Protein backbone atom coordinates (compact mmCIF):
# COMPACT_ATOMS: atom_id res chain seq x y z
CA MET A 1 27.86 -128.38 -38.11
CA GLY A 2 28.91 -129.70 -34.71
CA ALA A 3 25.47 -131.20 -34.16
CA ILE A 4 25.75 -133.14 -37.43
CA LEU A 5 29.13 -134.55 -36.37
CA ASP A 6 27.66 -135.57 -33.00
CA VAL A 7 24.84 -137.45 -34.77
CA VAL A 8 27.32 -139.23 -37.05
CA GLU A 9 29.38 -140.30 -34.03
CA MET A 10 26.21 -141.53 -32.28
CA LEU A 11 25.25 -143.63 -35.32
CA LYS A 12 28.50 -145.61 -35.03
CA GLU A 13 27.20 -147.24 -31.85
CA PRO A 14 24.48 -149.94 -31.78
CA ALA A 15 22.34 -147.93 -29.35
CA GLY A 16 22.63 -144.90 -31.61
CA MET A 17 21.44 -146.93 -34.58
CA ALA A 18 18.41 -148.14 -32.61
CA ILE A 19 17.54 -144.58 -31.57
CA ALA A 20 17.89 -143.40 -35.18
CA VAL A 21 15.50 -146.12 -36.39
CA VAL A 22 12.92 -145.15 -33.75
CA VAL A 23 13.20 -141.44 -34.60
CA ILE A 24 12.89 -142.09 -38.35
CA ALA A 25 9.88 -144.38 -37.83
CA ALA A 26 8.18 -141.82 -35.58
CA GLY A 27 8.80 -139.10 -38.16
CA TYR A 28 7.43 -141.30 -40.95
CA PHE A 29 4.22 -142.12 -39.10
CA PHE A 30 3.76 -138.50 -38.04
CA VAL A 31 4.02 -137.29 -41.65
CA LYS A 32 1.72 -140.09 -42.79
CA TRP A 33 -0.83 -139.07 -40.12
CA VAL A 34 -0.61 -135.37 -41.03
CA PHE A 35 -1.18 -135.96 -44.75
CA ALA A 36 -3.90 -138.62 -44.31
CA GLU A 37 -7.44 -137.70 -45.24
CA HIS A 38 -9.42 -137.04 -42.08
CA ASN A 39 -13.13 -137.74 -42.15
CA GLU A 40 -14.80 -134.97 -40.19
CA ASP A 41 -18.37 -135.48 -39.09
CA ASP A 42 -19.63 -131.92 -38.71
C-alpha cells in the first residue's frame, strides 16, 4: 500500500508525470511486441 501512495505522490510532480508516460508507453509497446505475430523462417 505504501508503494501505491509513493507513486501517487510522484505523479503530482511534472517529472513524475513524464516518467509515468514513458513507463506506460514502454509497457504498451512491450505487450504489443509480445503479442505480435512473428514470422519464423525455419
